[in-house]
Amino acid sequence: GLKNKIAGGKKILSQTISVETVESEIANSLEDVQNQFKNVEIGSYPFFRLGKIGVSIVIRSTEKNQIDDCYKQIVSFLKNKKIKIVEK
């Protein structure tokens, strides 16, 4: 009954980067990247898997090029901090 009443929007795209670190180690750098990309949502989610502590960084936007640019910025600061990426 609601089929013609709900308007759809653009599809939300996402990309996840999982790293071996604690959230406090990357919080300031993530905030800096977030401030550069106002149309992108960045979330960080701590995990404990296979005896390792880490954080999954999720980048969401309706624009793929914004996700790609944001991803590059995040990977760059992770490399500078020598933080191991376990999943891209």
PDB file of N, CA and C in Angstrom:
ATOM      1  N   GLY A   1       0.799  -1.178   0.000  1.00  0.00           N
ATOM      2  CA  GLY A   1       0.000   0.000   0.000  1.00  0.00           C
ATOM      3  C   GLY A   1       0.859   1.267   0.000  1.00  0.00           C
ATOM      4  N   LEU A   2       2.080   1.178   0.486  1.00  0.00           N
ATOM      5  CA  LEU A   2       2.934   2.361   0.553  1.00  0.00           C
ATOM      6  C   LEU A   2       3.838   2.501  -0.669  1.00  0.00           C
ATOM      7  N   LYS A   3       3.752   1.584  -1.577  1.00  0.00           N
ATOM      8  CA  LYS A   3       4.667   1.530  -2.713  1.00  0.00           C
ATOM      9  C   LYS A   3       4.759   2.863  -3.460  1.00  0.00           C
ATOM     10  N   ASN A   4       3.639   3.534  -3.692  1.00  0.00           N
ATOM     11  CA  ASN A   4       3.639   4.789  -4.439  1.00  0.00           C
ATOM     12  C   ASN A   4       3.806   6.009  -3.542  1.00  0.00           C
ATOM     13  N   LYS A   5       3.934   5.826  -2.257  1.00  0.00           N
ATOM     14  CA  LYS A   5       3.996   6.945  -1.320  1.00  0.00           C
ATOM     15  C   LYS A   5       5.408   7.213  -0.794  1.00  0.00           C
ATOM     16  N   ILE A   6       6.297   6.228  -0.886  1.00  0.00           N
ATOM     17  CA  ILE A   6       7.659   6.385  -0.366  1.00  0.00           C
ATOM     18  C   ILE A   6       8.597   6.673  -1.524  1.00  0.00           C
ATOM     19  N   ALA A   7       9.267   7.819  -1.439  1.00  0.00           N
ATOM     20  CA  ALA A   7      10.221   8.185  -2.482  1.00  0.00           C
ATOM     21  C   ALA A   7      11.595   7.613  -2.135  1.00  0.00           C
ATOM     22  N   GLY A   8      12.217   7.007  -3.105  1.00  0.00           N
ATOM     23  CA  GLY A   8      13.552   6.446  -2.893  1.00  0.00           C
ATOM     24  C   GLY A   8      14.611   7.497  -3.146  1.00  0.00           C
ATOM     25  N   GLY A   9      15.775   7.268  -2.610  1.00  0.00           N
ATOM     26  CA  GLY A   9      16.896   8.173  -2.812  1.00  0.00           C
ATOM     27  C   GLY A   9      18.022   7.438  -3.502  1.00  0.00           C
ATOM     28  N   LYS A  10      19.169   8.109  -3.557  1.00  0.00           N
ATOM     29  CA  LYS A  10      20.341   7.468  -4.143  1.00  0.00           C
ATOM     30  C   LYS A  10      20.792   6.317  -3.261  1.00  0.00           C
ATOM     31  N   LYS A  11      21.351   5.301  -3.887  1.00  0.00           N
ATOM     32  CA  LYS A  11      21.870   4.147  -3.166  1.00  0.00           C
ATOM     33  C   LYS A  11      23.086   4.566  -2.333  1.00  0.00           C
ATOM     34  N   ILE A  12      23.105   4.120  -1.080  1.00  0.00           N
ATOM     35  CA  ILE A  12      24.242   4.409  -0.206  1.00  0.00           C
ATOM     36  C   ILE A  12      25.303   3.332  -0.413  1.00  0.00           C
ATOM     37  N   LEU A  13      26.496   3.771  -0.751  1.00  0.00           N
ATOM     38  CA  LEU A  13      27.630   2.874  -0.990  1.00  0.00           C
ATOM     39  C   LEU A  13      28.516   2.866   0.243  1.00  0.00           C
ATOM     40  N   SER A  14      29.279   1.793   0.422  1.00  0.00           N
ATOM     41  CA  SER A  14      30.181   1.746   1.568  1.00  0.00           C
ATOM     42  C   SER A  14      31.447   0.964   1.238  1.00  0.00           C
ATOM     43  N   GLN A  15      32.477   1.263   2.000  1.00  0.00           N
ATOM     44  CA  GLN A  15      33.743   0.535   1.912  1.00  0.00           C
ATOM     45  C   GLN A  15      34.290   0.412   3.330  1.00  0.00           C
ATOM     46  N   THR A  16      34.860  -0.749   3.641  1.00  0.00           N
ATOM     47  CA  THR A  16      35.366  -1.003   4.991  1.00  0.00           C
ATOM     48  C   THR A  16      36.861  -1.293   4.952  1.00  0.00           C
ATOM     49  N   ILE A  17      37.553  -0.714   5.926  1.00  0.00           N
ATOM     50  CA  ILE A  17      38.981  -0.988   6.128  1.00  0.00           C
ATOM     51  C   ILE A  17      39.117  -1.468   7.573  1.00  0.00           C
ATOM     52  N   SER A  18      39.632  -2.671   7.776  1.00  0.00           N
ATOM     53  CA  SER A  18      39.847  -3.169   9.133  1.00  0.00           C
ATOM     54  C   SER A  18      41.339  -3.107   9.452  1.00  0.00           C
ATOM     55  N   VAL A  19      41.635  -2.613  10.658  1.00  0.00           N
ATOM     56  CA  VAL A  19      43.029  -2.387  11.048  1.00  0.00           C
ATOM     57  C   VAL A  19      43.290  -2.949  12.435  1.00  0.00           C
ATOM     58  N   GLU A  20      44.552  -3.292  12.681  1.00  0.00           N
ATOM     59  CA  GLU A  20      44.968  -3.770  13.999  1.00  0.00           C
ATOM     60  C   GLU A  20      45.465  -2.590  14.813  1.00  0.00           C
ATOM     61  N   THR A  21      44.567  -1.968  15.552  1.00  0.00           N
ATOM     62  CA  THR A  21      44.904  -0.854  16.429  1.00  0.00           C
ATOM     63  C   THR A  21      43.718  -0.620  17.355  1.00  0.00           C
ATOM     64  N   VAL A  22      43.855   0.341  18.241  1.00  0.00           N
ATOM     65  CA  VAL A  22      42.740   0.734  19.097  1.00  0.00           C
ATOM     66  C   VAL A  22      42.152   2.031  18.546  1.00  0.00           C
ATOM     67  N   GLU A  23      40.901   2.257  18.847  1.00  0.00           N
ATOM     68  CA  GLU A  23      40.185   3.400  18.293  1.00  0.00           C
ATOM     69  C   GLU A  23      40.842   4.738  18.649  1.00  0.00           C
ATOM     70  N   SER A  24      41.349   4.845  19.864  1.00  0.00           N
ATOM     71  CA  SER A  24      41.952   6.110  20.289  1.00  0.00           C
ATOM     72  C   SER A  24      43.186   6.475  19.453  1.00  0.00           C
ATOM     73  N   GLU A  25      43.843   5.493  18.881  1.00  0.00           N
ATOM     74  CA  GLU A  25      45.041   5.727  18.060  1.00  0.00           C
ATOM     75  C   GLU A  25      44.708   6.417  16.730  1.00  0.00           C
ATOM     76  N   ILE A  26      43.492   6.231  16.238  1.00  0.00           N
ATOM     77  CA  ILE A  26      43.135   6.782  14.926  1.00  0.00           C
ATOM     78  C   ILE A  26      42.041   7.850  14.988  1.00  0.00           C
ATOM     79  N   ALA A  27      41.483   8.103  16.155  1.00  0.00           N
ATOM     80  CA  ALA A  27      40.332   9.003  16.287  1.00  0.00           C
ATOM     81  C   ALA A  27      40.593  10.401  15.735  1.00  0.00           C
ATOM     82  N   ASN A  28      41.690  11.025  16.121  1.00  0.00           N
ATOM     83  CA  ASN A  28      41.982  12.388  15.653  1.00  0.00           C
ATOM     84  C   ASN A  28      42.196  12.441  14.145  1.00  0.00           C
ATOM     85  N   SER A  29      42.909  11.468  13.618  1.00  0.00           N
ATOM     86  CA  SER A  29      43.155  11.432  12.173  1.00  0.00           C
ATOM     87  C   SER A  29      41.858  11.202  11.398  1.00  0.00           C
ATOM     88  N   LEU A  30      40.994  10.333  11.920  1.00  0.00           N
ATOM     89  CA  LEU A  30      39.697  10.116  11.274  1.00  0.00           C
ATOM     90  C   LEU A  30      38.853  11.388  11.305  1.00  0.00           C
ATOM     91  N   GLU A  31      38.912  12.105  12.408  1.00  0.00           N
ATOM     92  CA  GLU A  31      38.164  13.359  12.509  1.00  0.00           C
ATOM     93  C   GLU A  31      38.669  14.371  11.476  1.00  0.00           C
ATOM     94  N   ASP A  32      39.975  14.438  11.275  1.00  0.00           N
ATOM     95  CA  ASP A  32      40.542  15.333  10.263  1.00  0.00           C
ATOM     96  C   ASP A  32      40.038  14.984   8.868  1.00  0.00           C
ATOM     97  N   VAL A  33      40.015  13.693   8.549  1.00  0.00           N
ATOM     98  CA  VAL A  33      39.519  13.254   7.240  1.00  0.00           C
ATOM     99  C   VAL A  33      38.025  13.567   7.127  1.00  0.00           C
ATOM    100  N   GLN A  34      37.270  13.293   8.189  1.00  0.00           N
ATOM    101  CA  GLN A  34      35.831  13.567   8.169  1.00  0.00           C
ATOM    102  C   GLN A  34      35.567  15.045   7.885  1.00  0.00           C
ATOM    103  N   ASN A  35      36.377  15.932   8.457  1.00  0.00           N
ATOM    104  CA  ASN A  35      36.204  17.365   8.246  1.00  0.00           C
ATOM    105  C   ASN A  35      36.472  17.781   6.801  1.00  0.00           C
ATOM    106  N   GLN A  36      37.258  17.001   6.082  1.00  0.00           N
ATOM    107  CA  GLN A  36      37.537  17.281   4.666  1.00  0.00           C
ATOM    108  C   GLN A  36      36.428  16.773   3.755  1.00  0.00           C
ATOM    109  N   PHE A  37      35.699  15.758   4.209  1.00  0.00           N
ATOM    110  CA  PHE A  37      34.682  15.105   3.377  1.00  0.00           C
ATOM    111  C   PHE A  37      33.317  15.202   4.057  1.00  0.00           C
ATOM    112  N   LYS A  38      32.659  16.337   3.859  1.00  0.00           N
ATOM    113  CA  LYS A  38      31.371  16.595   4.525  1.00  0.00           C
ATOM    114  C   LYS A  38      30.244  15.700   4.008  1.00  0.00           C
ATOM    115  N   ASN A  39      30.363  15.197   2.767  1.00  0.00           N
ATOM    116  CA  ASN A  39      29.315  14.352   2.187  1.00  0.00           C
ATOM    117  C   ASN A  39      29.569  12.863   2.382  1.00  0.00           C
ATOM    118  N   VAL A  40      30.521  12.549   3.257  1.00  0.00           N
ATOM    119  CA  VAL A  40      30.871  11.161   3.546  1.00  0.00           C
ATOM    120  C   VAL A  40      30.686  10.924   5.036  1.00  0.00           C
ATOM    121  N   GLU A  41      30.145   9.773   5.381  1.00  0.00           N
ATOM    122  CA  GLU A  41      30.010   9.392   6.786  1.00  0.00           C
ATOM    123  C   GLU A  41      31.091   8.361   7.090  1.00  0.00           C
ATOM    124  N   ILE A  42      31.872   8.628   8.131  1.00  0.00           N
ATOM    125  CA  ILE A  42      32.927   7.700   8.541  1.00  0.00           C
ATOM    126  C   ILE A  42      32.570   7.172   9.929  1.00  0.00           C
ATOM    127  N   GLY A  43      32.513   5.852  10.043  1.00  0.00           N
ATOM    128  CA  GLY A  43      32.254   5.229  11.340  1.00  0.00           C
ATOM    129  C   GLY A  43      33.413   4.324  11.711  1.00  0.00           C
ATOM    130  N   SER A  44      33.699   4.235  13.001  1.00  0.00           N
ATOM    131  CA  SER A  44      34.742   3.318  13.462  1.00  0.00           C
ATOM    132  C   SER A  44      34.143   2.379  14.497  1.00  0.00           C
ATOM    133  N   TYR A  45      34.397   1.104  14.313  1.00  0.00           N
ATOM    134  CA  TYR A  45      33.762   0.072  15.122  1.00  0.00           C
ATOM    135  C   TYR A  45      34.817  -0.899  15.651  1.00  0.00           C
ATOM    136  N   PRO A  46      35.098  -0.852  16.954  1.00  0.00           N
ATOM    137  CA  PRO A  46      36.088  -1.756  17.543  1.00  0.00           C
ATOM    138  C   PRO A  46      35.657  -3.220  17.414  1.00  0.00           C
ATOM    139  N   PHE A  47      36.645  -4.108  17.314  1.00  0.00           N
ATOM    140  CA  PHE A  47      36.347  -5.543  17.276  1.00  0.00           C
ATOM    141  C   PHE A  47      37.429  -6.322  18.015  1.00  0.00           C
ATOM    142  N   PHE A  48      37.087  -7.550  18.368  1.00  0.00           N
ATOM    143  CA  PHE A  48      38.026  -8.507  18.941  1.00  0.00           C
ATOM    144  C   PHE A  48      37.810  -9.806  18.188  1.00  0.00           C
ATOM    145  N   ARG A  49      38.763 -10.155  17.302  1.00  0.00           N
ATOM    146  CA  ARG A  49      38.634 -11.345  16.451  1.00  0.00           C
ATOM    147  C   ARG A  49      39.907 -12.166  16.494  1.00  0.00           C
ATOM    148  N   LEU A  50      39.738 -13.441  16.655  1.00  0.00           N
ATOM    149  CA  LEU A  50      40.877 -14.362  16.626  1.00  0.00           C
ATOM    150  C   LEU A  50      42.010 -13.886  17.529  1.00  0.00           C
ATOM    151  N   GLY A  51      41.634 -13.363  18.693  1.00  0.00           N
ATOM    152  CA  GLY A  51      42.613 -12.924  19.668  1.00  0.00           C
ATOM    153  C   GLY A  51      43.263 -11.586  19.364  1.00  0.00           C
ATOM    154  N   LYS A  52      42.775 -10.880  18.363  1.00  0.00           N
ATOM    155  CA  LYS A  52      43.367  -9.595  17.996  1.00  0.00           C
ATOM    156  C   LYS A  52      42.358  -8.468  18.176  1.00  0.00           C
ATOM    157  N   ILE A  53      42.863  -7.347  18.665  1.00  0.00           N
ATOM    158  CA  ILE A  53      42.043  -6.151  18.834  1.00  0.00           C
ATOM    159  C   ILE A  53      42.207  -5.289  17.594  1.00  0.00           C
ATOM    160  N   GLY A  54      41.105  -4.717  17.132  1.00  0.00           N
ATOM    161  CA  GLY A  54      41.187  -3.863  15.960  1.00  0.00           C
ATOM    162  C   GLY A  54      39.987  -2.953  15.833  1.00  0.00           C
ATOM    163  N   VAL A  55      39.961  -2.254  14.715  1.00  0.00           N
ATOM    164  CA  VAL A  55      38.882  -1.317  14.410  1.00  0.00           C
ATOM    165  C   VAL A  55      38.513  -1.481  12.942  1.00  0.00           C
ATOM    166  N   SER A  56      37.210  -1.567  12.676  1.00  0.00           N
ATOM    167  CA  SER A  56      36.726  -1.515  11.301  1.00  0.00           C
ATOM    168  C   SER A  56      36.295  -0.081  11.028  1.00  0.00           C
ATOM    169  N   ILE A  57      36.857   0.497   9.982  1.00  0.00           N
ATOM    170  CA  ILE A  57      36.511   1.849   9.567  1.00  0.00           C
ATOM    171  C   ILE A  57      35.572   1.713   8.372  1.00  0.00           C
ATOM    172  N   VAL A  58      34.366   2.250   8.508  1.00  0.00           N
ATOM    173  CA  VAL A  58      33.379   2.146   7.438  1.00  0.00           C
ATOM    174  C   VAL A  58      33.155   3.534   6.851  1.00  0.00           C
ATOM    175  N   ILE A  59      33.289   3.621   5.535  1.00  0.00           N
ATOM    176  CA  ILE A  59      33.106   4.870   4.797  1.00  0.00           C
ATOM    177  C   ILE A  59      31.810   4.727   3.999  1.00  0.00           C
ATOM    178  N   ARG A  60      30.876   5.690   4.173  1.00  0.00           N
ATOM    179  CA  ARG A  60      29.589   5.620   3.473  1.00  0.00           C
ATOM    180  C   ARG A  60      29.287   6.926   2.752  1.00  0.00           C
ATOM    181  N   SER A  61      28.759   6.808   1.548  1.00  0.00           N
ATOM    182  CA  SER A  61      28.347   7.975   0.773  1.00  0.00           C
ATOM    183  C   SER A  61      27.506   7.501  -0.403  1.00  0.00           C
ATOM    184  N   THR A  62      26.809   8.436  -1.020  1.00  0.00           N
ATOM    185  CA  THR A  62      26.083   8.110  -2.252  1.00  0.00           C
ATOM    186  C   THR A  62      26.980   8.324  -3.464  1.00  0.00           C
ATOM    187  N   GLU A  63      28.168   8.896  -3.250  1.00  0.00           N
ATOM    188  CA  GLU A  63      29.090   9.204  -4.349  1.00  0.00           C
ATOM    189  C   GLU A  63      30.346   8.346  -4.259  1.00  0.00           C
ATOM    190  N   LYS A  64      30.547   7.463  -5.252  1.00  0.00           N
ATOM    191  CA  LYS A  64      31.698   6.553  -5.240  1.00  0.00           C
ATOM    192  C   LYS A  64      33.027   7.310  -5.233  1.00  0.00           C
ATOM    193  N   ASN A  65      33.118   8.396  -5.999  1.00  0.00           N
ATOM    194  CA  ASN A  65      34.382   9.136  -6.055  1.00  0.00           C
ATOM    195  C   ASN A  65      34.732   9.743  -4.695  1.00  0.00           C
ATOM    196  N   GLN A  66      33.725  10.134  -3.914  1.00  0.00           N
ATOM    197  CA  GLN A  66      33.973  10.659  -2.571  1.00  0.00           C
ATOM    198  C   GLN A  66      34.514   9.554  -1.657  1.00  0.00           C
ATOM    199  N   ILE A  67      33.939   8.358  -1.766  1.00  0.00           N
ATOM    200  CA  ILE A  67      34.425   7.211  -0.983  1.00  0.00           C
ATOM    201  C   ILE A  67      35.868   6.898  -1.365  1.00  0.00           C
ATOM    202  N   ASP A  68      36.157   6.885  -2.660  1.00  0.00           N
ATOM    203  CA  ASP A  68      37.510   6.562  -3.129  1.00  0.00           C
ATOM    204  C   ASP A  68      38.533   7.572  -2.613  1.00  0.00           C
ATOM    205  N   ASP A  69      38.200   8.866  -2.684  1.00  0.00           N
ATOM    206  CA  ASP A  69      39.118   9.906  -2.221  1.00  0.00           C
ATOM    207  C   ASP A  69      39.329   9.826  -0.709  1.00  0.00           C
ATOM    208  N   CYS A  70      38.251   9.590   0.018  1.00  0.00           N
ATOM    209  CA  CYS A  70      38.315   9.456   1.473  1.00  0.00           C
ATOM    210  C   CYS A  70      39.152   8.232   1.851  1.00  0.00           C
ATOM    211  N   TYR A  71      38.919   7.125   1.166  1.00  0.00           N
ATOM    212  CA  TYR A  71      39.664   5.884   1.381  1.00  0.00           C
ATOM    213  C   TYR A  71      41.173   6.134   1.241  1.00  0.00           C
ATOM    214  N   LYS A  72      41.562   6.857   0.182  1.00  0.00           N
ATOM    215  CA  LYS A  72      42.982   7.132  -0.056  1.00  0.00           C
ATOM    216  C   LYS A  72      43.583   7.934   1.096  1.00  0.00           C
ATOM    217  N   GLN A  73      42.839   8.910   1.596  1.00  0.00           N
ATOM    218  CA  GLN A  73      43.320   9.724   2.721  1.00  0.00           C
ATOM    219  C   GLN A  73      43.515   8.860   3.972  1.00  0.00           C
ATOM    220  N   ILE A  74      42.555   7.978   4.234  1.00  0.00           N
ATOM    221  CA  ILE A  74      42.635   7.124   5.417  1.00  0.00           C
ATOM    222  C   ILE A  74      43.814   6.152   5.308  1.00  0.00           C
ATOM    223  N   VAL A  75      43.951   5.500   4.162  1.00  0.00           N
ATOM    224  CA  VAL A  75      45.059   4.563   3.962  1.00  0.00           C
ATOM    225  C   VAL A  75      46.396   5.288   4.098  1.00  0.00           C
ATOM    226  N   SER A  76      46.464   6.517   3.626  1.00  0.00           N
ATOM    227  CA  SER A  76      47.692   7.299   3.726  1.00  0.00           C
ATOM    228  C   SER A  76      48.090   7.537   5.183  1.00  0.00           C
ATOM    229  N   PHE A  77      47.143   7.979   6.023  1.00  0.00           N
ATOM    230  CA  PHE A  77      47.525   8.214   7.422  1.00  0.00           C
ATOM    231  C   PHE A  77      47.779   6.906   8.160  1.00  0.00           C
ATOM    232  N   LEU A  78      47.125   5.820   7.775  1.00  0.00           N
ATOM    233  CA  LEU A  78      47.403   4.521   8.400  1.00  0.00           C
ATOM    234  C   LEU A  78      48.837   4.087   8.101  1.00  0.00           C
ATOM    235  N   LYS A  79      49.263   4.280   6.853  1.00  0.00           N
ATOM    236  CA  LYS A  79      50.643   3.922   6.477  1.00  0.00           C
ATOM    237  C   LYS A  79      51.640   4.791   7.231  1.00  0.00           C
ATOM    238  N   ASN A  80      51.351   6.084   7.342  1.00  0.00           N
ATOM    239  CA  ASN A  80      52.247   6.991   8.063  1.00  0.00           C
ATOM    240  C   ASN A  80      52.387   6.596   9.532  1.00  0.00           C
ATOM    241  N   LYS A  81      51.298   6.102  10.122  1.00  0.00           N
ATOM    242  CA  LYS A  81      51.318   5.679  11.525  1.00  0.00           C
ATOM    243  C   LYS A  81      51.798   4.232  11.671  1.00  0.00           C
ATOM    244  N   LYS A  82      52.070   3.576  10.539  1.00  0.00           N
ATOM    245  CA  LYS A  82      52.514   2.176  10.523  1.00  0.00           C
ATOM    246  C   LYS A  82      51.494   1.246  11.188  1.00  0.00           C
ATOM    247  N   ILE A  83      50.212   1.497  10.891  1.00  0.00           N
ATOM    248  CA  ILE A  83      49.124   0.671  11.404  1.00  0.00           C
ATOM    249  C   ILE A  83      48.797  -0.383  10.353  1.00  0.00           C
ATOM    250  N   LYS A  84      48.757  -1.636  10.777  1.00  0.00           N
ATOM    251  CA  LYS A  84      48.542  -2.759   9.870  1.00  0.00           C
ATOM    252  C   LYS A  84      47.073  -2.836   9.433  1.00  0.00           C
ATOM    253  N   ILE A  85      46.864  -2.871   8.119  1.00  0.00           N
ATOM    254  CA  ILE A  85      45.536  -3.085   7.544  1.00  0.00           C
ATOM    255  C   ILE A  85      45.338  -4.582   7.405  1.00  0.00           C
ATOM    256  N   VAL A  86      44.248  -5.101   7.976  1.00  0.00           N
ATOM    257  CA  VAL A  86      44.007  -6.540   7.902  1.00  0.00           C
ATOM    258  C   VAL A  86      42.955  -6.889   6.852  1.00  0.00           C
ATOM    259  N   GLU A  87      42.079  -5.944   6.522  1.00  0.00           N
ATOM    260  CA  GLU A  87      41.079  -6.147   5.471  1.00  0.00           C
ATOM    261  C   GLU A  87      40.809  -4.820   4.811  1.00  0.00           C
ATOM    262  N   LYS A  88      40.579  -4.849   3.497  1.00  0.00           N
ATOM    263  CA  LYS A  88      40.226  -3.622   2.776  1.00  0.00           C
ATOM    264  C   LYS A  88      38.840  -3.756   2.223  1.00  0.00           C
TER     265      LYS A  88
END
